[in-house]
Amino acid sequence: MTTQNAQTTTPTPAAQGSHFWVLTLELPGRAAMTQSSTYTPPVGATRYDAYQAIRQHVTAGHPEMERATTMFFALEPNQL
């Protein structure tokens, strides 16, 4: 008899960033997108610094959204 242990693919908290973010960008009348992930800001970073870094990260993967309007941005500590 062989027994297998269930394994999870959920990253451990240590493998995640210290903050959870959600960003929605829109090109009015053309396109909209929402992405989310985790992020660990550098020491001394401000909320504005984090927003700029996250927006740049998102638009690097979607250059067509570079001039999009930010419809929603949330950045919260990644713990319950």
PDB file of N, CA and C in Angstrom:
ATOM      1  N   MET A   1       0.843  -1.168   0.000  1.00  0.00           N
ATOM      2  CA  MET A   1       0.000   0.000   0.000  1.00  0.00           C
ATOM      3  C   MET A   1       0.894   1.239   0.000  1.00  0.00           C
ATOM      4  N   THR A   2       0.626   2.161  -0.902  1.00  0.00           N
ATOM      5  CA  THR A   2       1.386   3.405  -0.999  1.00  0.00           C
ATOM      6  C   THR A   2       0.497   4.560  -0.583  1.00  0.00           C
ATOM      7  N   THR A   3       1.036   5.406   0.269  1.00  0.00           N
ATOM      8  CA  THR A   3       0.277   6.590   0.685  1.00  0.00           C
ATOM      9  C   THR A   3       1.004   7.835   0.182  1.00  0.00           C
ATOM     10  N   GLN A   4       0.234   8.771  -0.293  1.00  0.00           N
ATOM     11  CA  GLN A   4       0.817  10.024  -0.746  1.00  0.00           C
ATOM     12  C   GLN A   4       0.272  11.154   0.098  1.00  0.00           C
ATOM     13  N   ASN A   5       1.140  12.043   0.430  1.00  0.00           N
ATOM     14  CA  ASN A   5       0.717  13.230   1.178  1.00  0.00           C
ATOM     15  C   ASN A   5       0.306  14.314   0.191  1.00  0.00           C
ATOM     16  N   ALA A   6      -0.781  14.972   0.486  1.00  0.00           N
ATOM     17  CA  ALA A   6      -1.207  16.087  -0.361  1.00  0.00           C
ATOM     18  C   ALA A   6      -0.208  17.221  -0.209  1.00  0.00           C
ATOM     19  N   GLN A   7       0.154  17.803  -1.323  1.00  0.00           N
ATOM     20  CA  GLN A   7       1.069  18.942  -1.291  1.00  0.00           C
ATOM     21  C   GLN A   7       0.351  20.160  -1.828  1.00  0.00           C
ATOM     22  N   THR A   8       0.678  21.281  -1.264  1.00  0.00           N
ATOM     23  CA  THR A   8       0.054  22.520  -1.704  1.00  0.00           C
ATOM     24  C   THR A   8       1.015  23.289  -2.606  1.00  0.00           C
ATOM     25  N   THR A   9       0.465  23.995  -3.560  1.00  0.00           N
ATOM     26  CA  THR A   9       1.297  24.831  -4.411  1.00  0.00           C
ATOM     27  C   THR A   9       1.220  26.292  -3.977  1.00  0.00           C
ATOM     28  N   THR A  10       0.525  26.568  -2.895  1.00  0.00           N
ATOM     29  CA  THR A  10       0.433  27.923  -2.379  1.00  0.00           C
ATOM     30  C   THR A  10       1.771  28.308  -1.779  1.00  0.00           C
ATOM     31  N   PRO A  11       2.319  29.455  -2.200  1.00  0.00           N
ATOM     32  CA  PRO A  11       3.606  29.859  -1.641  1.00  0.00           C
ATOM     33  C   PRO A  11       3.496  30.121  -0.145  1.00  0.00           C
ATOM     34  N   THR A  12       4.554  29.822   0.558  1.00  0.00           N
ATOM     35  CA  THR A  12       4.577  30.129   1.988  1.00  0.00           C
ATOM     36  C   THR A  12       4.628  31.638   2.151  1.00  0.00           C
ATOM     37  N   PRO A  13       4.200  32.158   3.298  1.00  0.00           N
ATOM     38  CA  PRO A  13       4.250  33.607   3.492  1.00  0.00           C
ATOM     39  C   PRO A  13       5.642  34.188   3.261  1.00  0.00           C
ATOM     40  N   ALA A  14       6.688  33.448   3.607  1.00  0.00           N
ATOM     41  CA  ALA A  14       8.052  33.940   3.407  1.00  0.00           C
ATOM     42  C   ALA A  14       8.373  34.094   1.922  1.00  0.00           C
ATOM     43  N   ALA A  15       7.717  33.308   1.056  1.00  0.00           N
ATOM     44  CA  ALA A  15       7.967  33.382  -0.380  1.00  0.00           C
ATOM     45  C   ALA A  15       7.152  34.486  -1.040  1.00  0.00           C
ATOM     46  N   GLN A  16       6.243  35.090  -0.307  1.00  0.00           N
ATOM     47  CA  GLN A  16       5.408  36.164  -0.825  1.00  0.00           C
ATOM     48  C   GLN A  16       5.991  37.506  -0.382  1.00  0.00           C
ATOM     49  N   GLY A  17       5.535  38.567  -1.036  1.00  0.00           N
ATOM     50  CA  GLY A  17       5.956  39.903  -0.637  1.00  0.00           C
ATOM     51  C   GLY A  17       5.289  40.326   0.659  1.00  0.00           C
ATOM     52  N   SER A  18       5.789  41.384   1.238  1.00  0.00           N
ATOM     53  CA  SER A  18       5.246  41.876   2.509  1.00  0.00           C
ATOM     54  C   SER A  18       3.907  42.593   2.339  1.00  0.00           C
ATOM     55  N   HIS A  19       3.594  42.993   1.095  1.00  0.00           N
ATOM     56  CA  HIS A  19       2.349  43.709   0.811  1.00  0.00           C
ATOM     57  C   HIS A  19       1.624  43.062  -0.366  1.00  0.00           C
ATOM     58  N   PHE A  20       0.293  43.138  -0.342  1.00  0.00           N
ATOM     59  CA  PHE A  20      -0.543  42.656  -1.439  1.00  0.00           C
ATOM     60  C   PHE A  20      -1.079  43.876  -2.173  1.00  0.00           C
ATOM     61  N   TRP A  21      -1.064  43.828  -3.503  1.00  0.00           N
ATOM     62  CA  TRP A  21      -1.561  44.965  -4.280  1.00  0.00           C
ATOM     63  C   TRP A  21      -2.534  44.525  -5.361  1.00  0.00           C
ATOM     64  N   VAL A  22      -3.399  45.481  -5.752  1.00  0.00           N
ATOM     65  CA  VAL A  22      -4.337  45.322  -6.865  1.00  0.00           C
ATOM     66  C   VAL A  22      -4.263  46.619  -7.661  1.00  0.00           C
ATOM     67  N   LEU A  23      -4.133  46.508  -8.983  1.00  0.00           N
ATOM     68  CA  LEU A  23      -4.059  47.680  -9.853  1.00  0.00           C
ATOM     69  C   LEU A  23      -4.972  47.461 -11.049  1.00  0.00           C
ATOM     70  N   THR A  24      -5.846  48.436 -11.302  1.00  0.00           N
ATOM     71  CA  THR A  24      -6.716  48.418 -12.474  1.00  0.00           C
ATOM     72  C   THR A  24      -6.361  49.613 -13.340  1.00  0.00           C
ATOM     73  N   LEU A  25      -6.058  49.345 -14.606  1.00  0.00           N
ATOM     74  CA  LEU A  25      -5.754  50.380 -15.586  1.00  0.00           C
ATOM     75  C   LEU A  25      -6.806  50.351 -16.676  1.00  0.00           C
ATOM     76  N   GLU A  26      -7.109  51.536 -17.243  1.00  0.00           N
ATOM     77  CA  GLU A  26      -8.114  51.595 -18.299  1.00  0.00           C
ATOM     78  C   GLU A  26      -7.697  52.580 -19.382  1.00  0.00           C
ATOM     79  N   LEU A  27      -7.880  52.162 -20.611  1.00  0.00           N
ATOM     80  CA  LEU A  27      -7.824  53.050 -21.771  1.00  0.00           C
ATOM     81  C   LEU A  27      -9.286  53.255 -22.146  1.00  0.00           C
ATOM     82  N   PRO A  28      -9.881  54.382 -21.748  1.00  0.00           N
ATOM     83  CA  PRO A  28     -11.325  54.572 -21.909  1.00  0.00           C
ATOM     84  C   PRO A  28     -11.828  54.223 -23.308  1.00  0.00           C
ATOM     85  N   GLY A  29     -12.842  53.366 -23.320  1.00  0.00           N
ATOM     86  CA  GLY A  29     -13.467  52.949 -24.567  1.00  0.00           C
ATOM     87  C   GLY A  29     -12.683  51.923 -25.359  1.00  0.00           C
ATOM     88  N   ARG A  30     -11.499  51.534 -24.864  1.00  0.00           N
ATOM     89  CA  ARG A  30     -10.674  50.594 -25.628  1.00  0.00           C
ATOM     90  C   ARG A  30     -10.303  49.333 -24.857  1.00  0.00           C
ATOM     91  N   ALA A  31      -9.806  49.491 -23.640  1.00  0.00           N
ATOM     92  CA  ALA A  31      -9.327  48.313 -22.902  1.00  0.00           C
ATOM     93  C   ALA A  31      -9.245  48.630 -21.419  1.00  0.00           C
ATOM     94  N   ALA A  32      -9.316  47.583 -20.619  1.00  0.00           N
ATOM     95  CA  ALA A  32      -9.113  47.684 -19.177  1.00  0.00           C
ATOM     96  C   ALA A  32      -8.462  46.403 -18.708  1.00  0.00           C
ATOM     97  N   MET A  33      -7.695  46.497 -17.635  1.00  0.00           N
ATOM     98  CA  MET A  33      -7.068  45.300 -17.076  1.00  0.00           C
ATOM     99  C   MET A  33      -6.859  45.496 -15.578  1.00  0.00           C
ATOM    100  N   THR A  34      -6.936  44.381 -14.867  1.00  0.00           N
ATOM    101  CA  THR A  34      -6.662  44.365 -13.436  1.00  0.00           C
ATOM    102  C   THR A  34      -5.636  43.282 -13.174  1.00  0.00           C
ATOM    103  N   GLN A  35      -4.624  43.618 -12.391  1.00  0.00           N
ATOM    104  CA  GLN A  35      -3.635  42.635 -11.969  1.00  0.00           C
ATOM    105  C   GLN A  35      -3.446  42.751 -10.472  1.00  0.00           C
ATOM    106  N   SER A  36      -2.973  41.669  -9.868  1.00  0.00           N
ATOM    107  CA  SER A  36      -2.675  41.673  -8.438  1.00  0.00           C
ATOM    108  C   SER A  36      -1.507  40.740  -8.175  1.00  0.00           C
ATOM    109  N   SER A  37      -0.815  41.021  -7.092  1.00  0.00           N
ATOM    110  CA  SER A  37       0.318  40.184  -6.691  1.00  0.00           C
ATOM    111  C   SER A  37       0.797  40.673  -5.328  1.00  0.00           C
ATOM    112  N   THR A  38       1.996  40.262  -4.949  1.00  0.00           N
ATOM    113  CA  THR A  38       2.600  40.743  -3.715  1.00  0.00           C
ATOM    114  C   THR A  38       3.882  41.487  -4.060  1.00  0.00           C
ATOM    115  N   TYR A  39       4.325  42.318  -3.124  1.00  0.00           N
ATOM    116  CA  TYR A  39       5.476  43.194  -3.349  1.00  0.00           C
ATOM    117  C   TYR A  39       6.103  43.519  -2.004  1.00  0.00           C
ATOM    118  N   THR A  40       7.423  43.558  -1.968  1.00  0.00           N
ATOM    119  CA  THR A  40       8.138  44.002  -0.782  1.00  0.00           C
ATOM    120  C   THR A  40       8.876  45.278  -1.141  1.00  0.00           C
ATOM    121  N   PRO A  41       8.414  46.417  -0.627  1.00  0.00           N
ATOM    122  CA  PRO A  41       9.083  47.674  -0.961  1.00  0.00           C
ATOM    123  C   PRO A  41      10.446  47.772  -0.274  1.00  0.00           C
ATOM    124  N   PRO A  42      11.362  48.511  -0.895  1.00  0.00           N
ATOM    125  CA  PRO A  42      12.654  48.716  -0.234  1.00  0.00           C
ATOM    126  C   PRO A  42      12.484  49.552   1.039  1.00  0.00           C
ATOM    127  N   VAL A  43      13.406  49.420   1.937  1.00  0.00           N
ATOM    128  CA  VAL A  43      13.373  50.188   3.186  1.00  0.00           C
ATOM    129  C   VAL A  43      13.318  51.678   2.849  1.00  0.00           C
ATOM    130  N   GLY A  44      12.415  52.385   3.506  1.00  0.00           N
ATOM    131  CA  GLY A  44      12.289  53.820   3.315  1.00  0.00           C
ATOM    132  C   GLY A  44      11.386  54.225   2.156  1.00  0.00           C
ATOM    133  N   ALA A  45      10.866  53.260   1.410  1.00  0.00           N
ATOM    134  CA  ALA A  45       9.990  53.572   0.277  1.00  0.00           C
ATOM    135  C   ALA A  45       8.661  54.127   0.773  1.00  0.00           C
ATOM    136  N   THR A  46       8.070  54.976  -0.037  1.00  0.00           N
ATOM    137  CA  THR A  46       6.757  55.534   0.268  1.00  0.00           C
ATOM    138  C   THR A  46       5.699  54.763  -0.514  1.00  0.00           C
ATOM    139  N   ARG A  47       4.451  55.035  -0.200  1.00  0.00           N
ATOM    140  CA  ARG A  47       3.347  54.431  -0.948  1.00  0.00           C
ATOM    141  C   ARG A  47       3.429  54.841  -2.419  1.00  0.00           C
ATOM    142  N   TYR A  48       3.789  56.103  -2.678  1.00  0.00           N
ATOM    143  CA  TYR A  48       3.944  56.595  -4.047  1.00  0.00           C
ATOM    144  C   TYR A  48       5.052  55.824  -4.775  1.00  0.00           C
ATOM    145  N   ASP A  49       6.171  55.586  -4.098  1.00  0.00           N
ATOM    146  CA  ASP A  49       7.265  54.808  -4.697  1.00  0.00           C
ATOM    147  C   ASP A  49       6.779  53.412  -5.081  1.00  0.00           C
ATOM    148  N   ALA A  50       6.018  52.794  -4.180  1.00  0.00           N
ATOM    149  CA  ALA A  50       5.496  51.450  -4.446  1.00  0.00           C
ATOM    150  C   ALA A  50       4.543  51.479  -5.634  1.00  0.00           C
ATOM    151  N   TYR A  51       3.653  52.466  -5.686  1.00  0.00           N
ATOM    152  CA  TYR A  51       2.719  52.599  -6.806  1.00  0.00           C
ATOM    153  C   TYR A  51       3.481  52.724  -8.123  1.00  0.00           C
ATOM    154  N   GLN A  52       4.477  53.590  -8.159  1.00  0.00           N
ATOM    155  CA  GLN A  52       5.252  53.788  -9.388  1.00  0.00           C
ATOM    156  C   GLN A  52       5.957  52.505  -9.819  1.00  0.00           C
ATOM    157  N   ALA A  53       6.558  51.789  -8.874  1.00  0.00           N
ATOM    158  CA  ALA A  53       7.270  50.539  -9.188  1.00  0.00           C
ATOM    159  C   ALA A  53       6.297  49.475  -9.700  1.00  0.00           C
ATOM    160  N   ILE A  54       5.148  49.358  -9.056  1.00  0.00           N
ATOM    161  CA  ILE A  54       4.158  48.352  -9.457  1.00  0.00           C
ATOM    162  C   ILE A  54       3.573  48.701 -10.822  1.00  0.00           C
ATOM    163  N   ARG A  55       3.241  49.964 -11.038  1.00  0.00           N
ATOM    164  CA  ARG A  55       2.679  50.381 -12.331  1.00  0.00           C
ATOM    165  C   ARG A  55       3.694  50.140 -13.452  1.00  0.00           C
ATOM    166  N   GLN A  56       4.944  50.455 -13.181  1.00  0.00           N
ATOM    167  CA  GLN A  56       5.990  50.222 -14.184  1.00  0.00           C
ATOM    168  C   GLN A  56       6.129  48.726 -14.478  1.00  0.00           C
ATOM    169  N   HIS A  57       6.052  47.905 -13.452  1.00  0.00           N
ATOM    170  CA  HIS A  57       6.128  46.450 -13.625  1.00  0.00           C
ATOM    171  C   HIS A  57       4.977  45.954 -14.503  1.00  0.00           C
ATOM    172  N   VAL A  58       3.775  46.431 -14.228  1.00  0.00           N
ATOM    173  CA  VAL A  58       2.595  45.996 -14.982  1.00  0.00           C
ATOM    174  C   VAL A  58       2.685  46.455 -16.439  1.00  0.00           C
ATOM    175  N   THR A  59       3.036  47.716 -16.647  1.00  0.00           N
ATOM    176  CA  THR A  59       3.069  48.231 -18.020  1.00  0.00           C
ATOM    177  C   THR A  59       4.269  47.713 -18.808  1.00  0.00           C
ATOM    178  N   ALA A  60       5.304  47.239 -18.150  1.00  0.00           N
ATOM    179  CA  ALA A  60       6.422  46.621 -18.872  1.00  0.00           C
ATOM    180  C   ALA A  60       5.946  45.361 -19.587  1.00  0.00           C
ATOM    181  N   GLY A  61       5.022  44.658 -18.971  1.00  0.00           N
ATOM    182  CA  GLY A  61       4.455  43.456 -19.579  1.00  0.00           C
ATOM    183  C   GLY A  61       3.317  43.745 -20.541  1.00  0.00           C
ATOM    184  N   HIS A  62       2.784  44.958 -20.466  1.00  0.00           N
ATOM    185  CA  HIS A  62       1.652  45.373 -21.316  1.00  0.00           C
ATOM    186  C   HIS A  62       1.902  46.816 -21.773  1.00  0.00           C
ATOM    187  N   PRO A  63       2.859  47.015 -22.689  1.00  0.00           N
ATOM    188  CA  PRO A  63       3.233  48.380 -23.078  1.00  0.00           C
ATOM    189  C   PRO A  63       2.076  49.209 -23.636  1.00  0.00           C
ATOM    190  N   GLU A  64       1.060  48.546 -24.163  1.00  0.00           N
ATOM    191  CA  GLU A  64      -0.095  49.281 -24.687  1.00  0.00           C
ATOM    192  C   GLU A  64      -0.850  50.010 -23.578  1.00  0.00           C
ATOM    193  N   MET A  65      -0.613  49.636 -22.320  1.00  0.00           N
ATOM    194  CA  MET A  65      -1.309  50.255 -21.190  1.00  0.00           C
ATOM    195  C   MET A  65      -0.483  51.365 -20.532  1.00  0.00           C
ATOM    196  N   GLU A  66       0.649  51.707 -21.115  1.00  0.00           N
ATOM    197  CA  GLU A  66       1.534  52.708 -20.531  1.00  0.00           C
ATOM    198  C   GLU A  66       0.839  54.051 -20.295  1.00  0.00           C
ATOM    199  N   ARG A  67      -0.026  54.456 -21.197  1.00  0.00           N
ATOM    200  CA  ARG A  67      -0.724  55.741 -21.071  1.00  0.00           C
ATOM    201  C   ARG A  67      -2.125  55.591 -20.468  1.00  0.00           C
ATOM    202  N   ALA A  68      -2.415  54.434 -19.915  1.00  0.00           N
ATOM    203  CA  ALA A  68      -3.737  54.175 -19.342  1.00  0.00           C
ATOM    204  C   ALA A  68      -3.954  54.982 -18.062  1.00  0.00           C
ATOM    205  N   THR A  69      -5.203  55.174 -17.751  1.00  0.00           N
ATOM    206  CA  THR A  69      -5.617  55.838 -16.516  1.00  0.00           C
ATOM    207  C   THR A  69      -5.702  54.795 -15.404  1.00  0.00           C
ATOM    208  N   THR A  70      -5.214  55.139 -14.236  1.00  0.00           N
ATOM    209  CA  THR A  70      -5.355  54.255 -13.081  1.00  0.00           C
ATOM    210  C   THR A  70      -6.768  54.418 -12.531  1.00  0.00           C
ATOM    211  N   MET A  71      -7.528  53.342 -12.568  1.00  0.00           N
ATOM    212  CA  MET A  71      -8.895  53.366 -12.057  1.00  0.00           C
ATOM    213  C   MET A  71      -8.956  52.927 -10.596  1.00  0.00           C
ATOM    214  N   PHE A  72      -8.008  52.060 -10.203  1.00  0.00           N
ATOM    215  CA  PHE A  72      -8.012  51.542  -8.835  1.00  0.00           C
ATOM    216  C   PHE A  72      -6.606  51.104  -8.483  1.00  0.00           C
ATOM    217  N   PHE A  73      -6.182  51.428  -7.257  1.00  0.00           N
ATOM    218  CA  PHE A  73      -4.912  50.938  -6.731  1.00  0.00           C
ATOM    219  C   PHE A  73      -5.079  50.698  -5.244  1.00  0.00           C
ATOM    220  N   ALA A  74      -4.699  49.521  -4.787  1.00  0.00           N
ATOM    221  CA  ALA A  74      -4.733  49.199  -3.367  1.00  0.00           C
ATOM    222  C   ALA A  74      -3.415  48.527  -3.001  1.00  0.00           C
ATOM    223  N   LEU A  75      -2.883  48.881  -1.855  1.00  0.00           N
ATOM    224  CA  LEU A  75      -1.649  48.306  -1.330  1.00  0.00           C
ATOM    225  C   LEU A  75      -1.841  48.130   0.165  1.00  0.00           C
ATOM    226  N   GLU A  76      -1.828  46.900   0.610  1.00  0.00           N
ATOM    227  CA  GLU A  76      -2.104  46.591   2.014  1.00  0.00           C
ATOM    228  C   GLU A  76      -1.073  45.592   2.529  1.00  0.00           C
ATOM    229  N   PRO A  77      -0.806  45.602   3.840  1.00  0.00           N
ATOM    230  CA  PRO A  77       0.071  44.572   4.401  1.00  0.00           C
ATOM    231  C   PRO A  77      -0.466  43.185   4.061  1.00  0.00           C
ATOM    232  N   ASN A  78       0.424  42.287   3.723  1.00  0.00           N
ATOM    233  CA  ASN A  78       0.031  40.942   3.274  1.00  0.00           C
ATOM    234  C   ASN A  78      -0.043  39.980   4.466  1.00  0.00           C
ATOM    235  N   GLN A  79      -0.884  40.293   5.399  1.00  0.00           N
ATOM    236  CA  GLN A  79      -1.127  39.400   6.531  1.00  0.00           C
ATOM    237  C   GLN A  79      -2.541  39.583   7.013  1.00  0.00           C
ATOM    238  N   LEU A  80      -3.088  38.540   7.590  1.00  0.00           N
ATOM    239  CA  LEU A  80      -4.459  38.600   8.117  1.00  0.00           C
ATOM    240  C   LEU A  80      -4.401  38.783   9.627  1.00  0.00           C
TER     241      LEU A  80
END
